[in-house]
Amino acid sequence: MIYYKRHKIDEAAKTFNIIVAEEPTKAGIDPLNMLIDRHPDDNVKEI
């Protein structure tokens, strides 16, 4: 299952509570590398 939704980040520290049907195994910011990123390998983390 993949959850894709834009969330505005306008603070240095921000917490998101996202409810999904299954327990996630990975989480990331811009996992499809749609934005310009000098280090795209660090966008997704194992949970």
PDB file of N, CA and C in Angstrom:
ATOM      1  N   MET A   1       0.838  -1.177   0.000  1.00  0.00           N
ATOM      2  CA  MET A   1       0.000   0.000   0.000  1.00  0.00           C
ATOM      3  C   MET A   1       0.882   1.239   0.000  1.00  0.00           C
ATOM      4  N   ILE A   2       0.512   2.213  -0.776  1.00  0.00           N
ATOM      5  CA  ILE A   2       1.282   3.444  -0.868  1.00  0.00           C
ATOM      6  C   ILE A   2       0.374   4.606  -0.511  1.00  0.00           C
ATOM      7  N   TYR A   3       0.868   5.509   0.323  1.00  0.00           N
ATOM      8  CA  TYR A   3       0.143   6.707   0.725  1.00  0.00           C
ATOM      9  C   TYR A   3       0.889   7.894   0.134  1.00  0.00           C
ATOM     10  N   TYR A   4       0.248   8.610  -0.753  1.00  0.00           N
ATOM     11  CA  TYR A   4       0.834   9.811  -1.340  1.00  0.00           C
ATOM     12  C   TYR A   4      -0.085  10.985  -1.069  1.00  0.00           C
ATOM     13  N   LYS A   5       0.411  11.974  -0.368  1.00  0.00           N
ATOM     14  CA  LYS A   5      -0.347  13.180  -0.136  1.00  0.00           C
ATOM     15  C   LYS A   5       0.622  14.303   0.203  1.00  0.00           C
ATOM     16  N   ARG A   6       0.341  15.478  -0.284  1.00  0.00           N
ATOM     17  CA  ARG A   6       1.183  16.627   0.031  1.00  0.00           C
ATOM     18  C   ARG A   6       0.822  17.169   1.405  1.00  0.00           C
ATOM     19  N   HIS A   7       1.844  17.508   2.166  1.00  0.00           N
ATOM     20  CA  HIS A   7       1.673  18.144   3.466  1.00  0.00           C
ATOM     21  C   HIS A   7       2.580  19.360   3.497  1.00  0.00           C
ATOM     22  N   LYS A   8       2.030  20.506   3.839  1.00  0.00           N
ATOM     23  CA  LYS A   8       2.821  21.725   3.910  1.00  0.00           C
ATOM     24  C   LYS A   8       3.682  21.693   5.172  1.00  0.00           C
ATOM     25  N   ILE A   9       4.954  21.948   4.997  1.00  0.00           N
ATOM     26  CA  ILE A   9       5.894  22.010   6.118  1.00  0.00           C
ATOM     27  C   ILE A   9       6.328  23.463   6.234  1.00  0.00           C
ATOM     28  N   ASP A  10       5.811  24.154   7.237  1.00  0.00           N
ATOM     29  CA  ASP A  10       6.127  25.565   7.414  1.00  0.00           C
ATOM     30  C   ASP A  10       6.762  25.859   8.776  1.00  0.00           C
ATOM     31  N   GLU A  11       7.199  24.808   9.445  1.00  0.00           N
ATOM     32  CA  GLU A  11       7.859  24.939  10.740  1.00  0.00           C
ATOM     33  C   GLU A  11       9.115  24.079  10.741  1.00  0.00           C
ATOM     34  N   ALA A  12      10.062  24.405  11.615  1.00  0.00           N
ATOM     35  CA  ALA A  12      11.296  23.620  11.703  1.00  0.00           C
ATOM     36  C   ALA A  12      10.998  22.203  12.183  1.00  0.00           C
ATOM     37  N   ALA A  13      10.072  22.053  13.119  1.00  0.00           N
ATOM     38  CA  ALA A  13       9.683  20.729  13.624  1.00  0.00           C
ATOM     39  C   ALA A  13       8.188  20.556  13.390  1.00  0.00           C
ATOM     40  N   LYS A  14       7.826  19.490  12.728  1.00  0.00           N
ATOM     41  CA  LYS A  14       6.412  19.244  12.417  1.00  0.00           C
ATOM     42  C   LYS A  14       6.129  17.759  12.635  1.00  0.00           C
ATOM     43  N   THR A  15       4.999  17.437  13.225  1.00  0.00           N
ATOM     44  CA  THR A  15       4.598  16.056  13.456  1.00  0.00           C
ATOM     45  C   THR A  15       3.356  15.761  12.622  1.00  0.00           C
ATOM     46  N   PHE A  16       3.348  14.586  11.966  1.00  0.00           N
ATOM     47  CA  PHE A  16       2.205  14.153  11.179  1.00  0.00           C
ATOM     48  C   PHE A  16       1.652  12.874  11.778  1.00  0.00           C
ATOM     49  N   ASN A  17       0.359  12.800  11.907  1.00  0.00           N
ATOM     50  CA  ASN A  17      -0.325  11.575  12.320  1.00  0.00           C
ATOM     51  C   ASN A  17      -1.116  11.092  11.115  1.00  0.00           C
ATOM     52  N   ILE A  18      -0.701   9.966  10.545  1.00  0.00           N
ATOM     53  CA  ILE A  18      -1.334   9.427   9.348  1.00  0.00           C
ATOM     54  C   ILE A  18      -1.854   8.037   9.683  1.00  0.00           C
ATOM     55  N   ILE A  19      -3.127   7.790   9.432  1.00  0.00           N
ATOM     56  CA  ILE A  19      -3.747   6.493   9.713  1.00  0.00           C
ATOM     57  C   ILE A  19      -3.861   5.734   8.392  1.00  0.00           C
ATOM     58  N   VAL A  20      -3.283   4.538   8.357  1.00  0.00           N
ATOM     59  CA  VAL A  20      -3.324   3.685   7.169  1.00  0.00           C
ATOM     60  C   VAL A  20      -3.893   2.319   7.552  1.00  0.00           C
ATOM     61  N   ALA A  21      -4.312   1.557   6.554  1.00  0.00           N
ATOM     62  CA  ALA A  21      -4.943   0.263   6.805  1.00  0.00           C
ATOM     63  C   ALA A  21      -3.948  -0.804   7.270  1.00  0.00           C
ATOM     64  N   GLU A  22      -2.695  -0.723   6.826  1.00  0.00           N
ATOM     65  CA  GLU A  22      -1.683  -1.706   7.188  1.00  0.00           C
ATOM     66  C   GLU A  22      -0.488  -1.018   7.833  1.00  0.00           C
ATOM     67  N   GLU A  23       0.263  -1.767   8.640  1.00  0.00           N
ATOM     68  CA  GLU A  23       1.459  -1.215   9.255  1.00  0.00           C
ATOM     69  C   GLU A  23       2.510  -0.968   8.176  1.00  0.00           C
ATOM     70  N   PRO A  24       3.068   0.230   8.109  1.00  0.00           N
ATOM     71  CA  PRO A  24       4.053   0.530   7.059  1.00  0.00           C
ATOM     72  C   PRO A  24       5.398  -0.136   7.329  1.00  0.00           C
ATOM     73  N   THR A  25       6.133  -0.410   6.273  1.00  0.00           N
ATOM     74  CA  THR A  25       7.486  -0.949   6.399  1.00  0.00           C
ATOM     75  C   THR A  25       8.528   0.101   6.052  1.00  0.00           C
ATOM     76  N   LYS A  26       8.127   1.143   5.312  1.00  0.00           N
ATOM     77  CA  LYS A  26       9.022   2.234   4.933  1.00  0.00           C
ATOM     78  C   LYS A  26       8.258   3.550   5.007  1.00  0.00           C
ATOM     79  N   ALA A  27       8.994   4.624   5.192  1.00  0.00           N
ATOM     80  CA  ALA A  27       8.424   5.969   5.160  1.00  0.00           C
ATOM     81  C   ALA A  27       9.437   6.873   4.481  1.00  0.00           C
ATOM     82  N   GLY A  28       8.949   7.873   3.755  1.00  0.00           N
ATOM     83  CA  GLY A  28       9.885   8.742   3.070  1.00  0.00           C
ATOM     84  C   GLY A  28       9.289  10.062   2.649  1.00  0.00           C
ATOM     85  N   ILE A  29      10.170  10.948   2.286  1.00  0.00           N
ATOM     86  CA  ILE A  29       9.806  12.240   1.719  1.00  0.00           C
ATOM     87  C   ILE A  29      10.251  12.226   0.273  1.00  0.00           C
ATOM     88  N   ASP A  30       9.344  12.476  -0.625  1.00  0.00           N
ATOM     89  CA  ASP A  30       9.590  12.477  -2.067  1.00  0.00           C
ATOM     90  C   ASP A  30      10.195  11.143  -2.537  1.00  0.00           C
ATOM     91  N   PRO A  31       9.506  10.011  -2.282  1.00  0.00           N
ATOM     92  CA  PRO A  31      10.067   8.714  -2.664  1.00  0.00           C
ATOM     93  C   PRO A  31      10.191   8.510  -4.174  1.00  0.00           C
ATOM     94  N   LEU A  32       9.465   9.286  -4.974  1.00  0.00           N
ATOM     95  CA  LEU A  32       9.562   9.159  -6.432  1.00  0.00           C
ATOM     96  C   LEU A  32      10.583  10.133  -7.029  1.00  0.00           C
ATOM     97  N   ASN A  33      11.277  10.885  -6.154  1.00  0.00           N
ATOM     98  CA  ASN A  33      12.311  11.844  -6.581  1.00  0.00           C
ATOM     99  C   ASN A  33      11.780  12.837  -7.604  1.00  0.00           C
ATOM    100  N   MET A  34      10.634  13.440  -7.301  1.00  0.00           N
ATOM    101  CA  MET A  34      10.033  14.442  -8.176  1.00  0.00           C
ATOM    102  C   MET A  34      10.653  15.826  -7.970  1.00  0.00           C
ATOM    103  N   LEU A  35      11.263  16.054  -6.816  1.00  0.00           N
ATOM    104  CA  LEU A  35      11.874  17.339  -6.507  1.00  0.00           C
ATOM    105  C   LEU A  35      13.383  17.278  -6.760  1.00  0.00           C
ATOM    106  N   ILE A  36      14.001  18.425  -6.890  1.00  0.00           N
ATOM    107  CA  ILE A  36      15.458  18.472  -7.063  1.00  0.00           C
ATOM    108  C   ILE A  36      16.097  18.118  -5.719  1.00  0.00           C
ATOM    109  N   ASP A  37      17.003  17.155  -5.725  1.00  0.00           N
ATOM    110  CA  ASP A  37      17.623  16.678  -4.492  1.00  0.00           C
ATOM    111  C   ASP A  37      19.049  16.255  -4.788  1.00  0.00           C
ATOM    112  N   ARG A  38      19.997  16.789  -4.062  1.00  0.00           N
ATOM    113  CA  ARG A  38      21.406  16.436  -4.276  1.00  0.00           C
ATOM    114  C   ARG A  38      21.749  15.063  -3.691  1.00  0.00           C
ATOM    115  N   HIS A  39      20.956  14.585  -2.727  1.00  0.00           N
ATOM    116  CA  HIS A  39      21.201  13.294  -2.075  1.00  0.00           C
ATOM    117  C   HIS A  39      19.895  12.494  -2.027  1.00  0.00           C
ATOM    118  N   PRO A  40      19.425  11.977  -3.148  1.00  0.00           N
ATOM    119  CA  PRO A  40      18.115  11.286  -3.162  1.00  0.00           C
ATOM    120  C   PRO A  40      18.102   9.942  -2.446  1.00  0.00           C
ATOM    121  N   ASP A  41      19.255   9.393  -2.119  1.00  0.00           N
ATOM    122  CA  ASP A  41      19.304   8.079  -1.474  1.00  0.00           C
ATOM    123  C   ASP A  41      18.855   8.115  -0.006  1.00  0.00           C
ATOM    124  N   ASP A  42      18.728   9.308   0.574  1.00  0.00           N
ATOM    125  CA  ASP A  42      18.366   9.388   1.994  1.00  0.00           C
ATOM    126  C   ASP A  42      16.910   9.810   2.218  1.00  0.00           C
ATOM    127  N   ASN A  43      16.051   9.663   1.205  1.00  0.00           N
ATOM    128  CA  ASN A  43      14.654  10.097   1.304  1.00  0.00           C
ATOM    129  C   ASN A  43      13.724   9.062   1.923  1.00  0.00           C
ATOM    130  N   VAL A  44      14.100   7.790   1.918  1.00  0.00           N
ATOM    131  CA  VAL A  44      13.240   6.725   2.429  1.00  0.00           C
ATOM    132  C   VAL A  44      13.974   5.973   3.532  1.00  0.00           C
ATOM    133  N   LYS A  45      13.247   5.671   4.617  1.00  0.00           N
ATOM    134  CA  LYS A  45      13.814   4.947   5.756  1.00  0.00           C
ATOM    135  C   LYS A  45      12.985   3.717   6.050  1.00  0.00           C
ATOM    136  N   GLU A  46      13.625   2.630   6.460  1.00  0.00           N
ATOM    137  CA  GLU A  46      12.923   1.439   6.947  1.00  0.00           C
ATOM    138  C   GLU A  46      12.343   1.749   8.318  1.00  0.00           C
ATOM    139  N   ILE A  47      11.187   1.173   8.618  1.00  0.00           N
ATOM    140  CA  ILE A  47      10.551   1.408   9.932  1.00  0.00           C
ATOM    141  C   ILE A  47      10.701   0.151  10.761  1.00  0.00           C
TER     142      ILE A  47
END
